[in-house]
């Protein structure tokens, strides 16, 4: 069972959608998972094997792709394929960490707002609208600039910016669930609020939140790359895809691989996460299955 914040129509029971429609729509999820798993697999391999040491500059400056250096070298002589793998660690780590921070804080705040009194709920709605209207990247830049550039600070900053979006969605979903007749019946039967949250609220809002968090993961990857490009992300010598793009812009005409490799990797990962979110929405929304 799932809830869409745009409608209160009850979803169809699980298993009632035509099998043909499920197969037709599931390609989003399959392709998205393939793209994400390819990147994740390469990142996992990098923890046990790397072509060269990350700080090895013996490859020569701007060596073209081929030979021992699959993608060539950068302007410092470092192997680009090695840097690309390390950048994948940072990208996936940022996505997972930011989603965890934003999900926990956002869902908690949304639940509190959904159960709050009228004036507290109105105040929470205003605060969330202000936070959402504030540009996510600018908020992250302010936090990173104040706390110092590091991977942990970038994850915290992106997660905090994400939490407002998750909180507002959670608040809307919780209010829709609480308006259902079975919640009223449960309260009349003497069921406690914590049990109602665990048995009815969270299971009903989880599918929509899962789709939203999958979308937010792709945005977190882009935000980290943007921060690193601006010099506010993971500091050197760590190789972020955003920093690789920044360092390659001066030599993009003479050594295009240094810019194309991280750019393509970034696009593949973000598209994979977006397709995964789209596929999850297909599975959890009966109207889309029809």
Protein backbone atom coordinates (compact mmCIF):
# COMPACT_ATOMS: atom_id res chain seq x y z
CA UNK A 1 0.00 0.00 0.00
CA UNK A 2 1.27 3.46 -0.85
CA UNK A 3 0.18 7.03 -0.61
CA UNK A 4 0.64 9.84 -3.09
CA UNK A 5 0.64 13.36 -1.60
CA UNK A 6 -1.47 14.58 -4.50
CA UNK A 7 -4.42 12.29 -3.92
CA UNK A 8 -6.34 10.46 -1.21
CA UNK A 9 -7.69 7.68 -3.44
CA UNK A 10 -6.93 4.28 -1.87
CA UNK A 11 -4.37 2.18 -3.74
CA UNK A 12 -5.23 -1.16 -5.24
CA UNK A 13 -4.30 -4.26 -3.21
CA UNK A 14 -0.90 -5.72 -3.92
CA UNK A 15 -0.81 -8.22 -6.76
CA UNK A 16 -3.86 -6.94 -8.61
CA UNK A 17 -2.01 -5.04 -11.33
CA UNK A 18 -1.80 -6.78 -14.72
CA UNK A 19 1.39 -8.73 -15.18
CA UNK A 20 1.95 -7.28 -18.63
CA UNK A 21 1.86 -3.71 -17.31
CA UNK A 22 4.39 -4.53 -14.61
CA UNK A 23 6.85 -5.89 -17.15
CA UNK A 24 6.36 -2.91 -19.43
CA UNK A 25 7.13 -0.38 -16.68
CA UNK A 26 9.88 -2.25 -14.83
CA UNK A 27 12.61 -1.37 -17.33
CA UNK A 28 13.23 1.90 -15.48
CA UNK A 29 14.09 0.02 -12.33
CA UNK A 30 16.17 -2.62 -14.09
CA UNK A 31 18.23 -0.15 -16.11
CA UNK A 32 18.64 2.18 -13.13
CA UNK A 33 19.85 -0.62 -10.88
CA UNK A 34 22.28 -1.81 -13.55
CA UNK A 35 23.86 1.64 -13.86
CA UNK A 36 24.11 2.11 -10.09
CA UNK A 37 25.46 -1.41 -9.53
CA UNK A 38 28.12 -0.94 -12.21
CA UNK A 39 29.44 2.11 -10.37
CA UNK A 40 29.05 0.45 -6.97
CA UNK A 41 30.85 -2.67 -8.20
CA UNK A 42 33.78 -0.63 -9.49
CA UNK A 43 33.95 1.21 -6.17
CA UNK A 44 33.98 -2.06 -4.21
CA UNK A 45 36.78 -3.39 -6.40
CA UNK A 46 38.79 -0.25 -5.72
CA UNK A 47 38.98 -1.14 -2.03
CA UNK A 48 40.98 -4.29 -2.84
CA UNK A 49 42.73 -3.26 -6.07
CA UNK A 50 43.85 -0.02 -7.68
CA UNK A 51 45.91 0.30 -10.88
CA UNK A 52 48.27 2.80 -9.21
CA UNK A 53 48.70 4.49 -5.87
CA UNK A 54 46.51 7.61 -5.63
CA UNK A 55 49.57 9.86 -5.19
CA UNK A 56 51.73 8.15 -7.83
CA UNK A 57 52.88 10.82 -10.32
CA UNK A 58 55.27 8.63 -12.30
CA UNK A 59 52.96 8.32 -15.30
CA UNK A 60 54.05 11.53 -16.96
CA UNK A 61 52.07 14.69 -17.42
CA UNK A 62 48.89 14.40 -19.57
CA UNK A 63 49.72 10.97 -20.96
CA UNK A 64 47.06 9.91 -23.52
CA UNK A 65 44.86 6.86 -22.83
CA UNK A 66 46.42 3.49 -23.52
CA UNK A 67 49.07 1.16 -22.20
CA UNK A 68 49.32 1.00 -18.44
CA UNK A 69 47.09 4.04 -18.07
CA UNK A 70 43.65 3.09 -19.34
CA UNK A 71 42.33 6.66 -19.30
CA UNK A 72 45.67 8.44 -19.38
CA UNK A 73 47.07 10.73 -16.69
CA UNK A 74 46.21 14.18 -15.37
CA UNK A 75 48.38 17.29 -15.35
CA UNK A 76 50.25 16.02 -12.29
CA UNK A 77 50.97 12.60 -13.77
CA UNK A 78 48.41 10.69 -11.69
CA UNK A 79 46.50 7.81 -13.24
CA UNK A 80 43.01 8.99 -14.21
CA UNK A 81 41.38 5.59 -13.81
CA UNK A 82 42.64 5.40 -10.24
CA UNK A 83 41.35 8.90 -9.54
CA UNK A 84 37.99 7.98 -11.11
CA UNK A 85 37.59 4.97 -8.80
CA UNK A 86 38.43 7.01 -5.71
CA UNK A 87 35.98 9.67 -6.83
CA UNK A 88 33.31 6.98 -7.04
CA UNK A 89 33.90 6.16 -3.38
CA UNK A 90 33.29 9.79 -2.46
CA UNK A 91 30.18 10.07 -4.66
CA UNK A 92 28.49 6.94 -3.29
CA UNK A 93 29.57 7.71 0.27
CA UNK A 94 28.08 11.17 0.00
CA UNK A 95 24.82 9.83 -1.42
CA UNK A 96 24.41 7.20 1.31
CA UNK A 97 25.48 9.50 4.13
CA UNK A 98 23.36 12.47 3.04
CA UNK A 99 20.28 10.27 2.53
CA UNK A 100 20.78 8.77 6.00
CA UNK A 101 21.10 12.20 7.63
CA UNK A 102 18.27 13.78 5.64
CA UNK A 103 16.02 10.74 6.02
CA UNK A 104 16.37 10.39 9.79
CA UNK A 105 16.04 14.11 10.52
CA UNK A 106 13.37 14.75 7.89
CA UNK A 107 11.13 11.81 8.81
CA UNK A 108 11.43 12.60 12.53
CA UNK A 109 10.58 16.27 12.00
CA UNK A 110 7.73 15.40 9.63
CA UNK A 111 6.20 12.96 12.11
CA UNK A 112 6.34 15.54 14.88
CA UNK A 113 4.75 18.16 12.64
CA UNK A 114 2.05 15.74 11.54
CA UNK A 115 1.02 15.06 15.14
CA UNK A 116 1.51 18.64 16.36
CA UNK A 117 -1.26 21.03 17.36
CA UNK A 118 -2.69 23.42 14.78
CA UNK A 119 -0.48 26.41 15.54
CA UNK A 120 2.68 24.34 15.92
CA UNK A 121 1.94 22.62 12.62
CA UNK A 122 1.43 25.97 10.88
CA UNK A 123 4.69 27.28 12.32
CA UNK A 124 6.54 24.15 11.21
CA UNK A 125 5.08 24.48 7.71
CA UNK A 126 6.33 28.07 7.44
CA UNK A 127 9.82 27.13 8.64
CA UNK A 128 10.02 24.21 6.20
CA UNK A 129 8.85 26.38 3.30
CA UNK A 130 11.56 28.94 4.10
CA UNK A 131 14.26 26.26 4.28
CA UNK A 132 13.12 24.69 1.01
CA UNK A 133 13.02 28.08 -0.72
CA UNK A 134 16.64 28.63 0.34
CA UNK A 135 18.93 27.19 -2.39
CA UNK A 136 20.28 23.81 -1.30
CA UNK A 137 23.75 24.42 -2.71
CA UNK A 138 23.98 27.84 -1.07
CA UNK A 139 22.95 26.41 2.30
CA UNK A 140 25.55 23.66 1.95
CA UNK A 141 28.19 26.24 0.97
CA UNK A 142 27.46 28.28 4.10
CA UNK A 143 27.75 25.25 6.36
CA UNK A 144 30.94 24.01 4.71
CA UNK A 145 32.48 27.48 4.76
CA UNK A 146 31.78 27.77 8.48
CA UNK A 147 32.81 24.27 9.54
CA UNK A 148 35.67 23.70 7.09
CA UNK A 149 35.92 21.68 3.90
CA UNK A 150 35.85 17.91 4.43
CA UNK A 151 33.85 14.93 3.26
CA UNK A 152 32.03 14.66 6.59
CA UNK A 153 31.07 18.33 6.54
CA UNK A 154 29.83 18.05 2.96
CA UNK A 155 27.67 15.03 3.85
CA UNK A 156 26.25 16.81 6.89
CA UNK A 157 25.55 19.99 4.94
CA UNK A 158 23.80 18.18 2.07
CA UNK A 159 21.87 15.99 4.52
CA UNK A 160 20.61 19.00 6.47
CA UNK A 161 19.49 20.70 3.28
CA UNK A 162 17.75 17.49 2.22
CA UNK A 163 16.00 17.08 5.59
CA UNK A 164 13.65 20.03 4.98
CA UNK A 165 12.34 18.48 1.76
CA UNK A 166 11.84 15.09 3.38
CA UNK A 167 10.20 16.67 6.43
CA UNK A 168 7.61 18.56 4.37
CA UNK A 169 6.72 15.46 2.36
CA UNK A 170 6.50 13.35 5.53
CA UNK A 171 4.24 15.94 7.17
CA UNK A 172 1.81 15.85 4.22
CA UNK A 173 1.78 12.06 4.08
CA UNK A 174 1.28 11.68 7.83
CA UNK A 175 -1.73 14.01 7.78
CA UNK A 176 -3.27 12.03 4.93
CA UNK A 177 -2.87 8.77 6.83
CA UNK A 178 -4.25 10.23 10.06
CA UNK A 179 -7.38 11.32 8.18
CA UNK A 180 -8.21 7.72 7.23
CA UNK A 181 -11.15 5.91 8.82
CA UNK A 182 -9.04 2.99 10.03
CA UNK A 183 -6.94 5.40 12.14
CA UNK A 184 -10.12 6.63 13.81
CA UNK A 185 -11.22 3.05 14.37
CA UNK A 186 -7.85 2.18 15.88
CA UNK A 187 -8.06 5.10 18.29
CA UNK A 188 -11.60 4.13 19.30
CA UNK A 189 -10.33 0.62 19.96
CA UNK A 190 -7.74 2.05 22.35
CA UNK A 191 -4.60 1.57 20.23
CA UNK A 192 -1.78 3.82 21.40
CA UNK A 193 -0.22 6.46 19.14
CA UNK A 194 3.24 4.78 19.03
CA UNK A 195 1.62 1.55 17.87
CA UNK A 196 -0.43 3.41 15.26
CA UNK A 197 2.74 5.06 13.94
CA UNK A 198 4.57 1.73 13.74
CA UNK A 199 1.69 -0.34 12.35
CA UNK A 200 -0.13 2.13 10.10
CA UNK A 201 1.65 5.44 9.50
CA UNK A 202 5.19 4.35 8.66
CA UNK A 203 4.20 1.37 6.44
CA UNK A 204 1.87 3.61 4.41
CA UNK A 205 4.27 6.50 3.89
CA UNK A 206 7.39 4.37 3.36
CA UNK A 207 6.95 3.72 -0.41
CA UNK A 208 6.58 7.41 -1.28
CA UNK A 209 9.49 8.35 1.00
CA UNK A 210 11.66 5.65 -0.58
CA UNK A 211 11.09 7.11 -4.04
CA UNK A 212 11.86 10.61 -2.80
CA UNK A 213 15.05 9.51 -1.04
CA UNK A 214 16.23 7.77 -4.21
CA UNK A 215 15.78 11.04 -6.09
CA UNK A 216 17.53 12.94 -3.31
CA UNK A 217 20.51 10.56 -3.56
CA UNK A 218 21.12 11.69 -7.14
CA UNK A 219 20.85 15.33 -6.09
CA UNK A 220 23.32 14.67 -3.27
CA UNK A 221 25.88 13.35 -5.76
CA UNK A 222 25.48 16.49 -7.88
CA UNK A 223 25.69 18.73 -4.81
CA UNK A 224 28.94 17.12 -3.65
CA UNK A 225 30.44 17.44 -7.12
CA UNK A 226 29.41 21.11 -7.21
CA UNK A 227 30.95 21.78 -3.79
CA UNK A 228 34.19 20.05 -4.80
CA UNK A 229 34.28 21.98 -8.06
CA UNK A 230 34.06 25.20 -6.04
CA UNK A 231 36.78 24.02 -3.64
CA UNK A 232 34.36 23.47 -0.73
CA UNK A 233 34.09 19.68 -0.91
CA UNK A 234 36.55 16.94 -0.15
CA UNK A 235 40.01 18.54 0.06
CA UNK A 236 42.97 17.24 -1.96
CA UNK A 237 44.63 14.83 -2.37
CA UNK A 238 41.26 13.05 -2.35
CA UNK A 239 39.92 12.78 -5.89
CA UNK A 240 36.32 13.93 -6.15
CA UNK A 241 34.67 13.93 -9.57
CA UNK A 242 33.87 17.61 -9.14
CA UNK A 243 37.52 18.44 -8.33
CA UNK A 244 38.67 16.35 -11.31
CA UNK A 245 36.43 18.44 -13.55
CA UNK A 246 37.82 21.64 -12.08
CA UNK A 247 41.43 20.54 -12.57
CA UNK A 248 40.76 19.34 -16.12
CA UNK A 249 39.07 22.49 -17.43
CA UNK A 250 42.40 24.16 -18.27
CA UNK A 251 43.50 21.19 -20.44
CA UNK A 252 40.13 20.08 -21.82
CA UNK A 253 41.23 20.63 -25.44
CA UNK A 254 44.63 18.95 -25.17
CA UNK A 255 43.58 16.13 -22.81
CA UNK A 256 39.79 15.71 -23.05
CA UNK A 257 39.78 12.35 -21.22
CA UNK A 258 40.55 14.10 -17.94
CA UNK A 259 37.23 15.96 -18.20
CA UNK A 260 35.14 13.37 -20.03
CA UNK A 261 35.83 10.49 -17.60
CA UNK A 262 34.48 12.10 -14.41
CA UNK A 263 31.71 13.86 -16.34
CA UNK A 264 30.44 10.63 -17.86
CA UNK A 265 30.73 8.79 -14.53
CA UNK A 266 28.73 11.53 -12.82
CA UNK A 267 26.00 11.41 -15.48
CA UNK A 268 25.78 7.61 -15.37
CA UNK A 269 25.42 7.48 -11.59
CA UNK A 270 22.83 10.26 -11.39
CA UNK A 271 20.77 8.86 -14.28
CA UNK A 272 20.92 5.43 -12.66
CA UNK A 273 19.61 6.80 -9.37
CA UNK A 274 16.84 8.76 -11.10
CA UNK A 275 15.75 5.74 -13.13
CA UNK A 276 15.77 3.62 -9.99
CA UNK A 277 13.51 6.15 -8.28
CA UNK A 278 11.21 6.17 -11.32
CA UNK A 279 11.06 2.38 -11.29
CA UNK A 280 10.28 2.31 -7.58
CA UNK A 281 7.44 4.75 -8.21
CA UNK A 282 6.09 2.43 -10.90
CA UNK A 283 6.08 -0.47 -8.45
CA UNK A 284 4.50 1.40 -5.55
CA UNK A 285 1.87 3.44 -7.43
CA UNK A 286 -1.02 1.25 -8.68
CA UNK A 287 -2.26 4.01 -11.02
CA UNK A 288 1.05 3.99 -12.91
CA UNK A 289 0.90 0.20 -13.15
CA UNK A 290 -2.50 0.49 -14.83
